Amino acid sequence: MVTSEQITAAALELGVATITMTSVAQRLGVNHATLYRYVSGRDDLVRNAIDRAVTLTEFPQPNDDWQAFLRDTAHAIFDMCDTYPGIATELAGGTYSPMILQRGATLMACLTRMAFSPTDAVLALDLVTGLVIDHCRRAEQMDGRVPSASMPSRAELSSSWPRVEPGNEESMQNTIEAGQQAIEQSPRDWFDRKLRIALAGIAAELAPR
């Protein structure tokens, strides 16, 4: 016999972007029909796995510093996506689990207690979480941690920049080199640079005065 907790843990370990009912059943040593006693299908299995990942992730406690709170929240989501490949790809594709929605609502409520208006709290969190998920999705696909038919590898993308045209050599070459450096940089380091810009925008447009 297996438990729902064992099924969810196995799904998370195998990677939510590629799991099937059969692969999870094989990992647990049971017939895949057994899983249907606990989940309705693959989509249900994926949502349960994402919920487990959220539960295992330590999110920041609210304080008076909204920038630190949003930055730490972004890092918590980044770490979750990095620890469990496939979650960013699933979330980017619109797979939202009950725990994800509950966690989002809780984080938004924390921002309203920091004097954000409800609308601005939703917009600020949407901006930050969208940035994390899109960045992690592209990183996990470029690095081959999640299969993708369309996303090139880092090496392929770095070598695919356009040829330098005569008369435009210096500016184009400098731009290409900067782009290649961005591709080759640590995903976390490049993300942190983007996050600082996003937080500056929130401070300018949304944060309470």
C-alpha atoms as a PDB file:
ATOM      1  CA  MET A   1       0.000   0.000   0.000  1.00  0.00           C
ATOM      2  CA  VAL A   2       1.023   3.584  -0.574  1.00  0.00           C
ATOM      3  CA  THR A   3      -0.152   6.864   0.895  1.00  0.00           C
ATOM      4  CA  SER A   4      -1.067  10.127  -0.770  1.00  0.00           C
ATOM      5  CA  GLU A   5       1.997  11.688   0.856  1.00  0.00           C
ATOM      6  CA  GLN A   6       4.282   9.065  -0.706  1.00  0.00           C
ATOM      7  CA  ILE A   7       2.700   9.613  -4.116  1.00  0.00           C
ATOM      8  CA  THR A   8       3.145  13.377  -3.907  1.00  0.00           C
ATOM      9  CA  ALA A   9       6.740  13.070  -2.683  1.00  0.00           C
ATOM     10  CA  ALA A  10       7.603  10.690  -5.533  1.00  0.00           C
ATOM     11  CA  ALA A  11       6.073  13.059  -8.086  1.00  0.00           C
ATOM     12  CA  LEU A  12       8.144  15.951  -6.748  1.00  0.00           C
ATOM     13  CA  GLU A  13      11.335  13.895  -6.755  1.00  0.00           C
ATOM     14  CA  LEU A  14      10.819  12.784 -10.359  1.00  0.00           C
ATOM     15  CA  GLY A  15      10.200  16.340 -11.580  1.00  0.00           C
ATOM     16  CA  VAL A  16       6.768  17.752 -12.188  1.00  0.00           C
ATOM     17  CA  ALA A  17       7.398  18.739 -15.820  1.00  0.00           C
ATOM     18  CA  THR A  18       7.973  15.158 -16.966  1.00  0.00           C
ATOM     19  CA  ILE A  19       6.079  12.907 -14.562  1.00  0.00           C
ATOM     20  CA  THR A  20       3.411  10.486 -15.667  1.00  0.00           C
ATOM     21  CA  MET A  21       1.114   8.320 -13.639  1.00  0.00           C
ATOM     22  CA  THR A  22       3.133   5.327 -14.823  1.00  0.00           C
ATOM     23  CA  SER A  23       6.526   6.779 -13.829  1.00  0.00           C
ATOM     24  CA  VAL A  24       5.308   7.620 -10.332  1.00  0.00           C
ATOM     25  CA  ALA A  25       3.782   4.174  -9.932  1.00  0.00           C
ATOM     26  CA  GLN A  26       7.048   2.558 -11.036  1.00  0.00           C
ATOM     27  CA  ARG A  27       9.009   4.668  -8.546  1.00  0.00           C
ATOM     28  CA  LEU A  28       6.695   3.410  -5.760  1.00  0.00           C
ATOM     29  CA  GLY A  29       6.569  -0.165  -7.018  1.00  0.00           C
ATOM     30  CA  VAL A  30       2.802  -0.270  -7.519  1.00  0.00           C
ATOM     31  CA  ASN A  31       0.417  -0.551 -10.438  1.00  0.00           C
ATOM     32  CA  HIS A  32      -0.449   2.837 -11.901  1.00  0.00           C
ATOM     33  CA  ALA A  33      -4.137   2.072 -11.406  1.00  0.00           C
ATOM     34  CA  THR A  34      -3.456   2.224  -7.666  1.00  0.00           C
ATOM     35  CA  LEU A  35      -2.718   5.946  -7.945  1.00  0.00           C
ATOM     36  CA  TYR A  36      -6.250   6.680  -9.124  1.00  0.00           C
ATOM     37  CA  ARG A  37      -7.473   5.922  -5.627  1.00  0.00           C
ATOM     38  CA  TYR A  38      -5.698   9.125  -4.542  1.00  0.00           C
ATOM     39  CA  VAL A  39      -5.547  11.433  -7.578  1.00  0.00           C
ATOM     40  CA  SER A  40      -7.790  11.936 -10.582  1.00  0.00           C
ATOM     41  CA  GLY A  41      -4.963  12.070 -13.105  1.00  0.00           C
ATOM     42  CA  ARG A  42      -1.652  13.693 -14.005  1.00  0.00           C
ATOM     43  CA  ASP A  43      -2.898  17.275 -13.592  1.00  0.00           C
ATOM     44  CA  ASP A  44      -4.051  16.502 -10.071  1.00  0.00           C
ATOM     45  CA  LEU A  45      -0.715  14.821  -9.374  1.00  0.00           C
ATOM     46  CA  VAL A  46       1.200  17.902 -10.561  1.00  0.00           C
ATOM     47  CA  ARG A  47      -0.886  20.298  -8.472  1.00  0.00           C
ATOM     48  CA  ASN A  48      -0.364  18.137  -5.380  1.00  0.00           C
ATOM     49  CA  ALA A  49       3.387  18.092  -6.003  1.00  0.00           C
ATOM     50  CA  ILE A  50       3.478  21.880  -6.349  1.00  0.00           C
ATOM     51  CA  ASP A  51       1.494  22.207  -3.120  1.00  0.00           C
ATOM     52  CA  ARG A  52       4.052  20.015  -1.359  1.00  0.00           C
ATOM     53  CA  ALA A  53       6.898  22.177  -2.694  1.00  0.00           C
ATOM     54  CA  VAL A  54       5.174  25.309  -1.383  1.00  0.00           C
ATOM     55  CA  THR A  55       4.724  23.670   2.007  1.00  0.00           C
ATOM     56  CA  LEU A  56       8.421  22.742   2.131  1.00  0.00           C
ATOM     57  CA  THR A  57       9.543  26.264   1.183  1.00  0.00           C
ATOM     58  CA  GLU A  58      10.300  28.797   3.900  1.00  0.00           C
ATOM     59  CA  PHE A  59       8.712  32.122   3.012  1.00  0.00           C
ATOM     60  CA  PRO A  60       9.638  35.378   4.789  1.00  0.00           C
ATOM     61  CA  GLN A  61       7.631  36.809   7.620  1.00  0.00           C
ATOM     62  CA  PRO A  62       6.168  40.287   7.062  1.00  0.00           C
ATOM     63  CA  ASN A  63       7.918  43.281   8.572  1.00  0.00           C
ATOM     64  CA  ASP A  64       8.001  47.030   8.052  1.00  0.00           C
ATOM     65  CA  ASP A  65      10.440  46.853   5.117  1.00  0.00           C
ATOM     66  CA  TRP A  66       8.374  46.046   2.036  1.00  0.00           C
ATOM     67  CA  GLN A  67      11.427  45.946  -0.247  1.00  0.00           C
ATOM     68  CA  ALA A  68      13.157  43.351   1.925  1.00  0.00           C
ATOM     69  CA  PHE A  69       9.901  41.408   2.158  1.00  0.00           C
ATOM     70  CA  LEU A  70       9.416  41.324  -1.626  1.00  0.00           C
ATOM     71  CA  ARG A  71      13.095  40.564  -2.246  1.00  0.00           C
ATOM     72  CA  ASP A  72      13.067  37.686   0.246  1.00  0.00           C
ATOM     73  CA  THR A  73       9.784  36.422  -1.211  1.00  0.00           C
ATOM     74  CA  ALA A  74      11.297  36.436  -4.690  1.00  0.00           C
ATOM     75  CA  HIS A  75      14.341  34.535  -3.446  1.00  0.00           C
ATOM     76  CA  ALA A  76      12.127  31.965  -1.699  1.00  0.00           C
ATOM     77  CA  ILE A  77      10.210  31.323  -4.933  1.00  0.00           C
ATOM     78  CA  PHE A  78      13.469  31.229  -6.906  1.00  0.00           C
ATOM     79  CA  ASP A  79      14.910  28.645  -4.497  1.00  0.00           C
ATOM     80  CA  MET A  80      11.735  26.559  -4.714  1.00  0.00           C
ATOM     81  CA  CYS A  81      11.847  26.534  -8.509  1.00  0.00           C
ATOM     82  CA  ASP A  82      15.579  25.791  -8.496  1.00  0.00           C
ATOM     83  CA  THR A  83      15.194  22.939  -6.014  1.00  0.00           C
ATOM     84  CA  TYR A  84      12.270  21.363  -7.855  1.00  0.00           C
ATOM     85  CA  PRO A  85      12.818  21.619 -11.641  1.00  0.00           C
ATOM     86  CA  GLY A  86       9.638  21.832 -13.640  1.00  0.00           C
ATOM     87  CA  ILE A  87       7.595  23.907 -11.215  1.00  0.00           C
ATOM     88  CA  ALA A  88       8.465  27.169 -12.996  1.00  0.00           C
ATOM     89  CA  THR A  89       7.536  25.642 -16.351  1.00  0.00           C
ATOM     90  CA  GLU A  90       4.228  24.372 -14.985  1.00  0.00           C
ATOM     91  CA  LEU A  91       3.386  27.706 -13.341  1.00  0.00           C
ATOM     92  CA  ALA A  92       4.316  29.609 -16.488  1.00  0.00           C
ATOM     93  CA  GLY A  93       1.890  27.365 -18.361  1.00  0.00           C
ATOM     94  CA  GLY A  94      -0.964  28.220 -16.009  1.00  0.00           C
ATOM     95  CA  THR A  95      -0.928  25.264 -13.617  1.00  0.00           C
ATOM     96  CA  TYR A  96      -1.974  26.873 -10.346  1.00  0.00           C
ATOM     97  CA  SER A  97      -2.463  24.725  -7.279  1.00  0.00           C
ATOM     98  CA  PRO A  98      -4.660  25.612  -4.295  1.00  0.00           C
ATOM     99  CA  MET A  99      -1.599  26.213  -2.106  1.00  0.00           C
ATOM    100  CA  ILE A 100      -0.055  28.562  -4.683  1.00  0.00           C
ATOM    101  CA  LEU A 101      -3.211  30.659  -4.746  1.00  0.00           C
ATOM    102  CA  GLN A 102      -3.461  30.658  -0.949  1.00  0.00           C
ATOM    103  CA  ARG A 103       0.174  31.638  -0.573  1.00  0.00           C
ATOM    104  CA  GLY A 104      -0.258  34.426  -3.112  1.00  0.00           C
ATOM    105  CA  ALA A 105      -3.268  35.817  -1.301  1.00  0.00           C
ATOM    106  CA  THR A 106      -1.380  35.705   2.000  1.00  0.00           C
ATOM    107  CA  LEU A 107       1.588  37.582   0.545  1.00  0.00           C
ATOM    108  CA  MET A 108      -0.674  40.224  -0.968  1.00  0.00           C
ATOM    109  CA  ALA A 109      -2.408  40.696   2.374  1.00  0.00           C
ATOM    110  CA  CYS A 110       1.011  41.221   3.972  1.00  0.00           C
ATOM    111  CA  LEU A 111       1.676  44.069   1.533  1.00  0.00           C
ATOM    112  CA  THR A 112      -1.647  45.719   2.337  1.00  0.00           C
ATOM    113  CA  ARG A 113      -0.658  45.691   5.995  1.00  0.00           C
ATOM    114  CA  MET A 114       2.451  47.603   4.885  1.00  0.00           C
ATOM    115  CA  ALA A 115       0.118  50.322   3.537  1.00  0.00           C
ATOM    116  CA  PHE A 116      -0.072  49.184  -0.102  1.00  0.00           C
ATOM    117  CA  SER A 117      -3.535  49.554  -1.575  1.00  0.00           C
ATOM    118  CA  PRO A 118      -5.100  46.165  -2.426  1.00  0.00           C
ATOM    119  CA  THR A 119      -4.725  46.811  -6.156  1.00  0.00           C
ATOM    120  CA  ASP A 120      -1.106  47.922  -5.810  1.00  0.00           C
ATOM    121  CA  ALA A 121      -0.343  44.911  -3.602  1.00  0.00           C
ATOM    122  CA  VAL A 122      -1.683  42.571  -6.294  1.00  0.00           C
ATOM    123  CA  LEU A 123       0.268  44.390  -9.018  1.00  0.00           C
ATOM    124  CA  ALA A 124       3.525  44.441  -7.037  1.00  0.00           C
ATOM    125  CA  LEU A 125       3.395  40.736  -6.215  1.00  0.00           C
ATOM    126  CA  ASP A 126       2.310  39.827  -9.748  1.00  0.00           C
ATOM    127  CA  LEU A 127       5.287  41.744 -11.143  1.00  0.00           C
ATOM    128  CA  VAL A 128       7.795  40.085  -8.820  1.00  0.00           C
ATOM    129  CA  THR A 129       6.458  36.529  -9.029  1.00  0.00           C
ATOM    130  CA  GLY A 130       6.066  36.761 -12.800  1.00  0.00           C
ATOM    131  CA  LEU A 131       9.687  37.850 -13.055  1.00  0.00           C
ATOM    132  CA  VAL A 132      10.842  34.882 -10.966  1.00  0.00           C
ATOM    133  CA  ILE A 133       8.772  32.273 -12.770  1.00  0.00           C
ATOM    134  CA  ASP A 134       9.663  33.438 -16.279  1.00  0.00           C
ATOM    135  CA  HIS A 135      13.357  33.681 -15.419  1.00  0.00           C
ATOM    136  CA  CYS A 136      13.458  30.232 -13.773  1.00  0.00           C
ATOM    137  CA  ARG A 137      11.457  28.671 -16.618  1.00  0.00           C
ATOM    138  CA  ARG A 138      13.928  29.855 -19.218  1.00  0.00           C
ATOM    139  CA  ALA A 139      16.920  28.894 -17.074  1.00  0.00           C
ATOM    140  CA  GLU A 140      15.740  25.354 -16.369  1.00  0.00           C
ATOM    141  CA  GLN A 141      14.956  24.788 -20.039  1.00  0.00           C
ATOM    142  CA  MET A 142      18.211  26.309 -21.344  1.00  0.00           C
ATOM    143  CA  ASP A 143      20.177  24.206 -18.849  1.00  0.00           C
ATOM    144  CA  GLY A 144      18.349  21.019 -19.885  1.00  0.00           C
ATOM    145  CA  ARG A 145      16.840  20.426 -16.451  1.00  0.00           C
ATOM    146  CA  VAL A 146      13.423  20.460 -18.119  1.00  0.00           C
ATOM    147  CA  PRO A 147      13.036  19.235 -21.722  1.00  0.00           C
ATOM    148  CA  SER A 148      11.925  21.782 -24.308  1.00  0.00           C
ATOM    149  CA  ALA A 149      11.406  21.400 -28.035  1.00  0.00           C
ATOM    150  CA  SER A 150      11.886  25.111 -28.680  1.00  0.00           C
ATOM    151  CA  MET A 151      14.310  26.508 -26.069  1.00  0.00           C
ATOM    152  CA  PRO A 152      17.966  26.386 -27.185  1.00  0.00           C
ATOM    153  CA  SER A 153      20.754  25.553 -24.773  1.00  0.00           C
ATOM    154  CA  ARG A 154      22.933  28.325 -23.390  1.00  0.00           C
ATOM    155  CA  ALA A 155      25.742  27.404 -25.776  1.00  0.00           C
ATOM    156  CA  GLU A 156      23.394  27.375 -28.782  1.00  0.00           C
ATOM    157  CA  LEU A 157      21.863  30.699 -27.827  1.00  0.00           C
ATOM    158  CA  SER A 158      25.243  32.299 -27.195  1.00  0.00           C
ATOM    159  CA  SER A 159      26.482  31.261 -30.641  1.00  0.00           C
ATOM    160  CA  SER A 160      23.315  32.357 -32.446  1.00  0.00           C
ATOM    161  CA  TRP A 161      23.866  36.115 -32.275  1.00  0.00           C
ATOM    162  CA  PRO A 162      23.787  37.938 -35.645  1.00  0.00           C
ATOM    163  CA  ARG A 163      26.874  38.524 -37.744  1.00  0.00           C
ATOM    164  CA  VAL A 164      28.552  41.888 -37.353  1.00  0.00           C
ATOM    165  CA  GLU A 165      27.779  44.068 -40.373  1.00  0.00           C
ATOM    166  CA  PRO A 166      30.429  46.322 -41.956  1.00  0.00           C
ATOM    167  CA  GLY A 167      30.323  49.889 -40.644  1.00  0.00           C
ATOM    168  CA  ASN A 168      28.707  48.811 -37.416  1.00  0.00           C
ATOM    169  CA  GLU A 169      31.516  46.687 -36.034  1.00  0.00           C
ATOM    170  CA  GLU A 170      32.367  48.206 -32.681  1.00  0.00           C
ATOM    171  CA  SER A 171      28.889  48.934 -31.311  1.00  0.00           C
ATOM    172  CA  MET A 172      27.464  45.652 -32.583  1.00  0.00           C
ATOM    173  CA  GLN A 173      30.397  43.594 -31.301  1.00  0.00           C
ATOM    174  CA  ASN A 174      30.151  45.197 -27.858  1.00  0.00           C
ATOM    175  CA  THR A 175      26.424  44.465 -27.785  1.00  0.00           C
ATOM    176  CA  ILE A 176      26.930  40.848 -28.807  1.00  0.00           C
ATOM    177  CA  GLU A 177      29.586  40.342 -26.152  1.00  0.00           C
ATOM    178  CA  ALA A 178      27.317  41.849 -23.497  1.00  0.00           C
ATOM    179  CA  GLY A 179      24.505  39.540 -24.577  1.00  0.00           C
ATOM    180  CA  GLN A 180      26.753  36.504 -24.453  1.00  0.00           C
ATOM    181  CA  GLN A 181      27.985  37.462 -21.000  1.00  0.00           C
ATOM    182  CA  ALA A 182      24.375  37.747 -19.832  1.00  0.00           C
ATOM    183  CA  ILE A 183      23.588  34.266 -21.159  1.00  0.00           C
ATOM    184  CA  GLU A 184      26.655  32.762 -19.516  1.00  0.00           C
ATOM    185  CA  GLN A 185      26.156  34.512 -16.175  1.00  0.00           C
ATOM    186  CA  SER A 186      24.781  32.658 -13.177  1.00  0.00           C
ATOM    187  CA  PRO A 187      20.960  32.608 -13.416  1.00  0.00           C
ATOM    188  CA  ARG A 188      20.738  33.817  -9.811  1.00  0.00           C
ATOM    189  CA  ASP A 189      23.107  36.754 -10.358  1.00  0.00           C
ATOM    190  CA  TRP A 190      21.321  37.922 -13.503  1.00  0.00           C
ATOM    191  CA  PHE A 191      17.958  37.533 -11.800  1.00  0.00           C
ATOM    192  CA  ASP A 192      19.065  39.663  -8.849  1.00  0.00           C
ATOM    193  CA  ARG A 193      19.962  42.484 -11.230  1.00  0.00           C
ATOM    194  CA  LYS A 194      16.507  42.334 -12.801  1.00  0.00           C
ATOM    195  CA  LEU A 195      14.871  42.152  -9.391  1.00  0.00           C
ATOM    196  CA  ARG A 196      16.590  45.352  -8.245  1.00  0.00           C
ATOM    197  CA  ILE A 197      15.153  47.167 -11.257  1.00  0.00           C
ATOM    198  CA  ALA A 198      11.671  45.782 -10.575  1.00  0.00           C
ATOM    199  CA  LEU A 199      11.811  46.861  -6.930  1.00  0.00           C
ATOM    200  CA  ALA A 200      12.948  50.339  -7.971  1.00  0.00           C
ATOM    201  CA  GLY A 201       9.936  50.535 -10.277  1.00  0.00           C
ATOM    202  CA  ILE A 202       7.586  49.440  -7.503  1.00  0.00           C
ATOM    203  CA  ALA A 203       9.130  52.066  -5.220  1.00  0.00           C
ATOM    204  CA  ALA A 204       8.545  54.755  -7.838  1.00  0.00           C
ATOM    205  CA  GLU A 205       5.036  53.768  -8.926  1.00  0.00           C
ATOM    206  CA  LEU A 206       3.265  51.668  -6.286  1.00  0.00           C
ATOM    207  CA  ALA A 207       4.827  51.875  -2.843  1.00  0.00           C
ATOM    208  CA  PRO A 208       3.105  53.902  -0.112  1.00  0.00           C
ATOM    209  CA  ARG A 209       4.545  57.373   0.407  1.00  0.00           C
END
